[in-house]
Amino acid sequence: TLAKNSLDATDIEKVNARRLAASKLADDQIVRKLF
């Protein structure tokens, strides 16, 4: 849901959503695949 809601967000909100997901997953490739 976090990744889906960031599709329509501004650039700053997209970066923030990716950082939140990265803190939960701790893997850049999985975060990239998620988004």
All heavy atoms as atom14 arrays in JSON, in Angstrom:
{
  "sequence": "TLAKNSLDATDIEKVNARRLAASKLADDQIVRKLF",
  "atom14_mask": [
    [1, 1, 1, 1, 1, 1, 1, 0, 0, 0, 0, 0, 0, 0],
    [1, 1, 1, 1, 1, 1, 1, 1, 0, 0, 0, 0, 0, 0],
    [1, 1, 1, 1, 1, 0, 0, 0, 0, 0, 0, 0, 0, 0],
    [1, 1, 1, 1, 1, 1, 1, 1, 1, 0, 0, 0, 0, 0],
    [1, 1, 1, 1, 1, 1, 1, 1, 0, 0, 0, 0, 0, 0],
    [1, 1, 1, 1, 1, 1, 0, 0, 0, 0, 0, 0, 0, 0],
    [1, 1, 1, 1, 1, 1, 1, 1, 0, 0, 0, 0, 0, 0],
    [1, 1, 1, 1, 1, 1, 1, 1, 0, 0, 0, 0, 0, 0],
    [1, 1, 1, 1, 1, 0, 0, 0, 0, 0, 0, 0, 0, 0],
    [1, 1, 1, 1, 1, 1, 1, 0, 0, 0, 0, 0, 0, 0],
    [1, 1, 1, 1, 1, 1, 1, 1, 0, 0, 0, 0, 0, 0],
    [1, 1, 1, 1, 1, 1, 1, 1, 0, 0, 0, 0, 0, 0],
    [1, 1, 1, 1, 1, 1, 1, 1, 1, 0, 0, 0, 0, 0],
    [1, 1, 1, 1, 1, 1, 1, 1, 1, 0, 0, 0, 0, 0],
    [1, 1, 1, 1, 1, 1, 1, 0, 0, 0, 0, 0, 0, 0],
    [1, 1, 1, 1, 1, 1, 1, 1, 0, 0, 0, 0, 0, 0],
    [1, 1, 1, 1, 1, 0, 0, 0, 0, 0, 0, 0, 0, 0],
    [1, 1, 1, 1, 1, 1, 1, 1, 1, 1, 1, 0, 0, 0],
    [1, 1, 1, 1, 1, 1, 1, 1, 1, 1, 1, 0, 0, 0],
    [1, 1, 1, 1, 1, 1, 1, 1, 0, 0, 0, 0, 0, 0],
    [1, 1, 1, 1, 1, 0, 0, 0, 0, 0, 0, 0, 0, 0],
    [1, 1, 1, 1, 1, 0, 0, 0, 0, 0, 0, 0, 0, 0],
    [1, 1, 1, 1, 1, 1, 0, 0, 0, 0, 0, 0, 0, 0],
    [1, 1, 1, 1, 1, 1, 1, 1, 1, 0, 0, 0, 0, 0],
    [1, 1, 1, 1, 1, 1, 1, 1, 0, 0, 0, 0, 0, 0],
    [1, 1, 1, 1, 1, 0, 0, 0, 0, 0, 0, 0, 0, 0],
    [1, 1, 1, 1, 1, 1, 1, 1, 0, 0, 0, 0, 0, 0],
    [1, 1, 1, 1, 1, 1, 1, 1, 0, 0, 0, 0, 0, 0],
    [1, 1, 1, 1, 1, 1, 1, 1, 1, 0, 0, 0, 0, 0],
    [1, 1, 1, 1, 1, 1, 1, 1, 0, 0, 0, 0, 0, 0],
    [1, 1, 1, 1, 1, 1, 1, 0, 0, 0, 0, 0, 0, 0],
    [1, 1, 1, 1, 1, 1, 1, 1, 1, 1, 1, 0, 0, 0],
    [1, 1, 1, 1, 1, 1, 1, 1, 1, 0, 0, 0, 0, 0],
    [1, 1, 1, 1, 1, 1, 1, 1, 0, 0, 0, 0, 0, 0],
    [1, 1, 1, 1, 1, 1, 1, 1, 1, 1, 1, 0, 0, 0]
  ],
  "atom14_positions": [
    [[0.83, -1.21, 0.0], [0.0, 0.0, 0.0], [0.86, 1.26, 0.0], [0.56, 2.22, -0.71], [-0.94, 0.0, 1.22], [-1.75, -1.17, 1.17], [-1.83, 1.23, 1.23], [0.0, 0.0, 0.0], [0.0, 0.0, 0.0], [0.0, 0.0, 0.0], [0.0, 0.0, 0.0], [0.0, 0.0, 0.0], [0.0, 0.0, 0.0], [0.0, 0.0, 0.0]],
    [[1.94, 1.25, 0.77], [2.86, 2.39, 0.79], [3.43, 2.63, -0.6], [3.47, 3.76, -1.08], [3.99, 2.12, 1.79], [5.1, 3.16, 1.87], [4.59, 4.42, 2.55], [6.28, 2.59, 2.62], [0.0, 0.0, 0.0], [0.0, 0.0, 0.0], [0.0, 0.0, 0.0], [0.0, 0.0, 0.0], [0.0, 0.0, 0.0], [0.0, 0.0, 0.0]],
    [[3.86, 1.57, -1.26], [4.43, 1.69, -2.6], [3.37, 2.12, -3.62], [3.63, 2.93, -4.51], [5.06, 0.37, -3.02], [0.0, 0.0, 0.0], [0.0, 0.0, 0.0], [0.0, 0.0, 0.0], [0.0, 0.0, 0.0], [0.0, 0.0, 0.0], [0.0, 0.0, 0.0], [0.0, 0.0, 0.0], [0.0, 0.0, 0.0], [0.0, 0.0, 0.0]],
    [[2.17, 1.59, -3.48], [1.09, 1.93, -4.41], [0.68, 3.39, -4.27], [0.45, 4.07, -5.28], [-0.11, 1.01, -4.14], [-1.19, 1.11, -5.18], [-2.31, 0.15, -4.88], [-3.23, 0.78, -3.86], [-4.53, 0.13, -3.79], [0.0, 0.0, 0.0], [0.0, 0.0, 0.0], [0.0, 0.0, 0.0], [0.0, 0.0, 0.0], [0.0, 0.0, 0.0]],
    [[0.61, 3.89, -3.04], [0.22, 5.28, -2.83], [1.29, 6.25, -3.29], [1.0, 7.41, -3.59], [-0.1, 5.53, -1.36], [-1.38, 4.85, -0.93], [-2.21, 4.5, -1.77], [-1.53, 4.64, 0.36], [0.0, 0.0, 0.0], [0.0, 0.0, 0.0], [0.0, 0.0, 0.0], [0.0, 0.0, 0.0], [0.0, 0.0, 0.0], [0.0, 0.0, 0.0]],
    [[2.54, 5.81, -3.37], [3.6, 6.71, -3.79], [3.66, 6.86, -5.31], [4.4, 7.69, -5.82], [4.95, 6.22, -3.28], [5.37, 5.09, -4.02], [0.0, 0.0, 0.0], [0.0, 0.0, 0.0], [0.0, 0.0, 0.0], [0.0, 0.0, 0.0], [0.0, 0.0, 0.0], [0.0, 0.0, 0.0], [0.0, 0.0, 0.0], [0.0, 0.0, 0.0]],
    [[2.88, 6.07, -6.05], [2.89, 6.19, -7.51], [2.36, 7.55, -7.96], [2.8, 8.08, -8.97], [2.06, 5.06, -8.14], [2.59, 3.65, -7.96], [1.61, 2.64, -8.53], [3.95, 3.5, -8.59], [0.0, 0.0, 0.0], [0.0, 0.0, 0.0], [0.0, 0.0, 0.0], [0.0, 0.0, 0.0], [0.0, 0.0, 0.0], [0.0, 0.0, 0.0]],
    [[1.4, 8.11, -7.23], [0.79, 9.39, -7.6], [1.34, 10.55, -6.79], [0.82, 11.65, -6.86], [-0.72, 9.33, -7.4], [-1.37, 8.24, -8.22], [-0.82, 7.91, -9.28], [-2.42, 7.72, -7.81], [0.0, 0.0, 0.0], [0.0, 0.0, 0.0], [0.0, 0.0, 0.0], [0.0, 0.0, 0.0], [0.0, 0.0, 0.0], [0.0, 0.0, 0.0]],
    [[2.4, 10.33, -6.02], [2.89, 11.34, -5.08], [3.93, 12.24, -5.75], [4.39, 12.0, -6.86], [3.49, 10.66, -3.87], [0.0, 0.0, 0.0], [0.0, 0.0, 0.0], [0.0, 0.0, 0.0], [0.0, 0.0, 0.0], [0.0, 0.0, 0.0], [0.0, 0.0, 0.0], [0.0, 0.0, 0.0], [0.0, 0.0, 0.0], [0.0, 0.0, 0.0]],
    [[4.31, 13.28, -5.01], [5.37, 14.16, -5.48], [6.72, 13.48, -5.28], [6.82, 12.42, -4.67], [5.36, 15.49, -4.69], [5.62, 15.2, -3.32], [4.02, 16.19, -4.81], [0.0, 0.0, 0.0], [0.0, 0.0, 0.0], [0.0, 0.0, 0.0], [0.0, 0.0, 0.0], [0.0, 0.0, 0.0], [0.0, 0.0, 0.0], [0.0, 0.0, 0.0]],
    [[7.77, 14.11, -5.79], [9.1, 13.5, -5.73], [9.57, 13.32, -4.29], [10.16, 12.29, -3.95], [10.11, 14.36, -6.48], [9.89, 14.29, -7.99], [9.26, 13.31, -8.43], [10.37, 15.18, -8.71], [0.0, 0.0, 0.0], [0.0, 0.0, 0.0], [0.0, 0.0, 0.0], [0.0, 0.0, 0.0], [0.0, 0.0, 0.0], [0.0, 0.0, 0.0]],
    [[9.29, 14.29, -3.44], [9.73, 14.2, -2.04], [9.0, 13.06, -1.33], [9.6, 12.3, -0.57], [9.51, 15.54, -1.32], [10.44, 16.6, -1.92], [9.73, 15.42, 0.17], [10.19, 17.99, -1.43], [0.0, 0.0, 0.0], [0.0, 0.0, 0.0], [0.0, 0.0, 0.0], [0.0, 0.0, 0.0], [0.0, 0.0, 0.0], [0.0, 0.0, 0.0]],
    [[7.69, 12.93, -1.6], [6.93, 11.85, -0.98], [7.36, 10.48, -1.49], [7.35, 9.5, -0.75], [5.43, 12.07, -1.24], [4.88, 13.28, -0.51], [3.49, 13.65, -0.97], [3.06, 13.17, -2.04], [2.84, 14.43, -0.26], [0.0, 0.0, 0.0], [0.0, 0.0, 0.0], [0.0, 0.0, 0.0], [0.0, 0.0, 0.0], [0.0, 0.0, 0.0]],
    [[7.78, 10.4, -2.77], [8.29, 9.14, -3.31], [9.58, 8.72, -2.62], [9.76, 7.55, -2.28], [8.52, 9.26, -4.81], [7.28, 9.31, -5.63], [7.6, 9.43, -7.1], [6.33, 9.57, -7.92], [6.61, 9.73, -9.35], [0.0, 0.0, 0.0], [0.0, 0.0, 0.0], [0.0, 0.0, 0.0], [0.0, 0.0, 0.0], [0.0, 0.0, 0.0]],
    [[10.46, 9.68, -2.41], [11.73, 9.39, -1.73], [11.47, 8.95, -0.3], [12.07, 7.98, 0.19], [12.66, 10.61, -1.77], [13.88, 10.41, -0.88], [13.09, 10.9, -3.2], [0.0, 0.0, 0.0], [0.0, 0.0, 0.0], [0.0, 0.0, 0.0], [0.0, 0.0, 0.0], [0.0, 0.0, 0.0], [0.0, 0.0, 0.0], [0.0, 0.0, 0.0]],
    [[10.55, 9.63, 0.37], [10.22, 9.27, 1.74], [9.63, 7.87, 1.82], [9.98, 7.09, 2.71], [9.24, 10.29, 2.33], [9.0, 10.08, 3.79], [9.92, 9.7, 4.51], [7.78, 10.3, 4.24], [0.0, 0.0, 0.0], [0.0, 0.0, 0.0], [0.0, 0.0, 0.0], [0.0, 0.0, 0.0], [0.0, 0.0, 0.0], [0.0, 0.0, 0.0]],
    [[8.75, 7.52, 0.89], [8.15, 6.19, 0.88], [9.21, 5.12, 0.65], [9.2, 4.07, 1.3], [7.06, 6.11, -0.19], [0.0, 0.0, 0.0], [0.0, 0.0, 0.0], [0.0, 0.0, 0.0], [0.0, 0.0, 0.0], [0.0, 0.0, 0.0], [0.0, 0.0, 0.0], [0.0, 0.0, 0.0], [0.0, 0.0, 0.0], [0.0, 0.0, 0.0]],
    [[10.14, 5.37, -0.26], [11.22, 4.4, -0.51], [12.11, 4.23, 0.71], [12.56, 3.13, 1.01], [12.05, 4.81, -1.72], [11.35, 4.54, -3.03], [12.24, 4.87, -4.2], [11.54, 4.67, -5.44], [11.66, 3.58, -6.21], [12.47, 2.62, -5.85], [10.98, 3.48, -7.32], [0.0, 0.0, 0.0], [0.0, 0.0, 0.0], [0.0, 0.0, 0.0]],
    [[12.36, 5.31, 1.42], [13.2, 5.23, 2.63], [12.49, 4.44, 3.72], [13.12, 3.66, 4.45], [13.56, 6.62, 3.12], [14.61, 7.29, 2.27], [14.95, 8.65, 2.8], [15.99, 9.26, 1.99], [16.35, 10.53, 2.07], [15.75, 11.33, 2.92], [17.31, 11.0, 1.3], [0.0, 0.0, 0.0], [0.0, 0.0, 0.0], [0.0, 0.0, 0.0]],
    [[11.18, 4.65, 3.87], [10.42, 3.88, 4.86], [10.43, 2.39, 4.52], [10.62, 1.55, 5.4], [8.97, 4.38, 4.92], [8.74, 5.72, 5.61], [7.31, 6.17, 5.41], [9.06, 5.61, 7.08], [0.0, 0.0, 0.0], [0.0, 0.0, 0.0], [0.0, 0.0, 0.0], [0.0, 0.0, 0.0], [0.0, 0.0, 0.0], [0.0, 0.0, 0.0]],
    [[10.26, 2.07, 3.25], [10.28, 0.66, 2.84], [11.67, 0.07, 3.02], [11.82, -1.08, 3.44], [9.83, 0.53, 1.38], [0.0, 0.0, 0.0], [0.0, 0.0, 0.0], [0.0, 0.0, 0.0], [0.0, 0.0, 0.0], [0.0, 0.0, 0.0], [0.0, 0.0, 0.0], [0.0, 0.0, 0.0], [0.0, 0.0, 0.0], [0.0, 0.0, 0.0]],
    [[12.71, 0.85, 2.72], [14.08, 0.36, 2.88], [14.41, 0.11, 4.34], [15.17, -0.82, 4.66], [15.06, 1.35, 2.28], [0.0, 0.0, 0.0], [0.0, 0.0, 0.0], [0.0, 0.0, 0.0], [0.0, 0.0, 0.0], [0.0, 0.0, 0.0], [0.0, 0.0, 0.0], [0.0, 0.0, 0.0], [0.0, 0.0, 0.0], [0.0, 0.0, 0.0]],
    [[13.84, 0.88, 5.24], [14.1, 0.65, 6.66], [13.45, -0.64, 7.14], [13.95, -1.29, 8.05], [13.6, 1.83, 7.5], [12.19, 1.86, 7.53], [0.0, 0.0, 0.0], [0.0, 0.0, 0.0], [0.0, 0.0, 0.0], [0.0, 0.0, 0.0], [0.0, 0.0, 0.0], [0.0, 0.0, 0.0], [0.0, 0.0, 0.0], [0.0, 0.0, 0.0]],
    [[12.33, -1.03, 6.52], [11.67, -2.28, 6.89], [12.32, -3.49, 6.23], [12.38, -4.57, 6.81], [10.2, -2.25, 6.48], [9.37, -1.24, 7.21], [8.99, -1.74, 8.56], [8.03, -0.74, 9.2], [7.69, -1.15, 10.54], [0.0, 0.0, 0.0], [0.0, 0.0, 0.0], [0.0, 0.0, 0.0], [0.0, 0.0, 0.0], [0.0, 0.0, 0.0]],
    [[12.8, -3.33, 4.98], [13.3, -4.47, 4.21], [14.81, -4.61, 4.22], [15.32, -5.71, 4.09], [12.81, -4.37, 2.76], [11.31, -4.46, 2.57], [10.94, -4.2, 1.13], [10.8, -5.8, 3.01], [0.0, 0.0, 0.0], [0.0, 0.0, 0.0], [0.0, 0.0, 0.0], [0.0, 0.0, 0.0], [0.0, 0.0, 0.0], [0.0, 0.0, 0.0]],
    [[15.54, -3.5, 4.29], [17.01, -3.5, 4.32], [17.62, -4.19, 3.1], [18.62, -4.88, 3.21], [17.53, -4.12, 5.61], [0.0, 0.0, 0.0], [0.0, 0.0, 0.0], [0.0, 0.0, 0.0], [0.0, 0.0, 0.0], [0.0, 0.0, 0.0], [0.0, 0.0, 0.0], [0.0, 0.0, 0.0], [0.0, 0.0, 0.0], [0.0, 0.0, 0.0]],
    [[17.0, -4.02, 1.93], [17.53, -4.59, 0.69], [17.07, -3.7, -0.47], [15.88, -3.62, -0.77], [17.02, -6.02, 0.51], [17.69, -6.74, -0.64], [18.38, -6.07, -1.45], [17.54, -7.95, -0.76], [0.0, 0.0, 0.0], [0.0, 0.0, 0.0], [0.0, 0.0, 0.0], [0.0, 0.0, 0.0], [0.0, 0.0, 0.0], [0.0, 0.0, 0.0]],
    [[18.04, -3.05, -1.13], [17.69, -2.09, -2.17], [17.04, -2.74, -3.39], [16.16, -2.16, -4.01], [18.94, -1.32, -2.61], [19.46, -0.43, -1.5], [18.67, -0.06, -0.62], [20.66, -0.09, -1.52], [0.0, 0.0, 0.0], [0.0, 0.0, 0.0], [0.0, 0.0, 0.0], [0.0, 0.0, 0.0], [0.0, 0.0, 0.0], [0.0, 0.0, 0.0]],
    [[17.47, -3.94, -3.74], [16.89, -4.61, -4.91], [15.42, -4.97, -4.68], [14.59, -4.82, -5.58], [17.67, -5.88, -5.24], [19.06, -5.6, -5.76], [19.81, -6.88, -6.04], [19.48, -7.93, -5.51], [20.84, -6.78, -6.87], [0.0, 0.0, 0.0], [0.0, 0.0, 0.0], [0.0, 0.0, 0.0], [0.0, 0.0, 0.0], [0.0, 0.0, 0.0]],
    [[15.09, -5.42, -3.49], [13.7, -5.76, -3.18], [12.84, -4.5, -3.13], [11.69, -4.51, -3.59], [13.61, -6.55, -1.85], [14.43, -7.83, -1.93], [12.17, -6.88, -1.51], [13.96, -8.82, -2.98], [0.0, 0.0, 0.0], [0.0, 0.0, 0.0], [0.0, 0.0, 0.0], [0.0, 0.0, 0.0], [0.0, 0.0, 0.0], [0.0, 0.0, 0.0]],
    [[13.39, -3.41, -2.59], [12.64, -2.15, -2.56], [12.37, -1.68, -3.99], [11.26, -1.25, -4.32], [13.42, -1.07, -1.77], [12.77, 0.29, -1.91], [13.51, -1.46, -0.31], [0.0, 0.0, 0.0], [0.0, 0.0, 0.0], [0.0, 0.0, 0.0], [0.0, 0.0, 0.0], [0.0, 0.0, 0.0], [0.0, 0.0, 0.0], [0.0, 0.0, 0.0]],
    [[13.36, -1.79, -4.85], [13.2, -1.4, -6.25], [12.12, -2.27, -6.92], [11.27, -1.76, -7.65], [14.54, -1.55, -6.98], [14.59, -0.83, -8.29], [15.99, -0.84, -8.9], [16.96, -0.23, -7.99], [18.02, -0.87, -7.48], [18.26, -2.12, -7.79], [18.86, -0.24, -6.68], [0.0, 0.0, 0.0], [0.0, 0.0, 0.0], [0.0, 0.0, 0.0]],
    [[12.15, -3.56, -6.66], [11.14, -4.45, -7.24], [9.75, -4.13, -6.7], [8.76, -4.15, -7.44], [11.5, -5.91, -6.96], [10.52, -6.88, -7.58], [10.92, -8.31, -7.39], [9.91, -9.22, -8.07], [10.23, -10.62, -7.93], [0.0, 0.0, 0.0], [0.0, 0.0, 0.0], [0.0, 0.0, 0.0], [0.0, 0.0, 0.0], [0.0, 0.0, 0.0]],
    [[9.66, -3.83, -5.41], [8.38, -3.49, -4.8], [7.77, -2.26, -5.46], [6.58, -2.26, -5.81], [8.56, -3.25, -3.3], [7.37, -2.71, -2.51], [6.23, -3.7, -2.51], [7.78, -2.37, -1.1], [0.0, 0.0, 0.0], [0.0, 0.0, 0.0], [0.0, 0.0, 0.0], [0.0, 0.0, 0.0], [0.0, 0.0, 0.0], [0.0, 0.0, 0.0]],
    [[8.56, -1.21, -5.66], [8.03, 0.04, -6.2], [7.85, 0.0, -7.72], [6.95, 0.66, -8.24], [8.93, 1.2, -5.8], [8.69, 1.68, -4.4], [9.25, 1.03, -3.32], [7.88, 2.77, -4.15], [9.03, 1.45, -2.03], [7.64, 3.2, -2.87], [8.21, 2.53, -1.8], [0.0, 0.0, 0.0], [0.0, 0.0, 0.0], [0.0, 0.0, 0.0]]
  ]
}
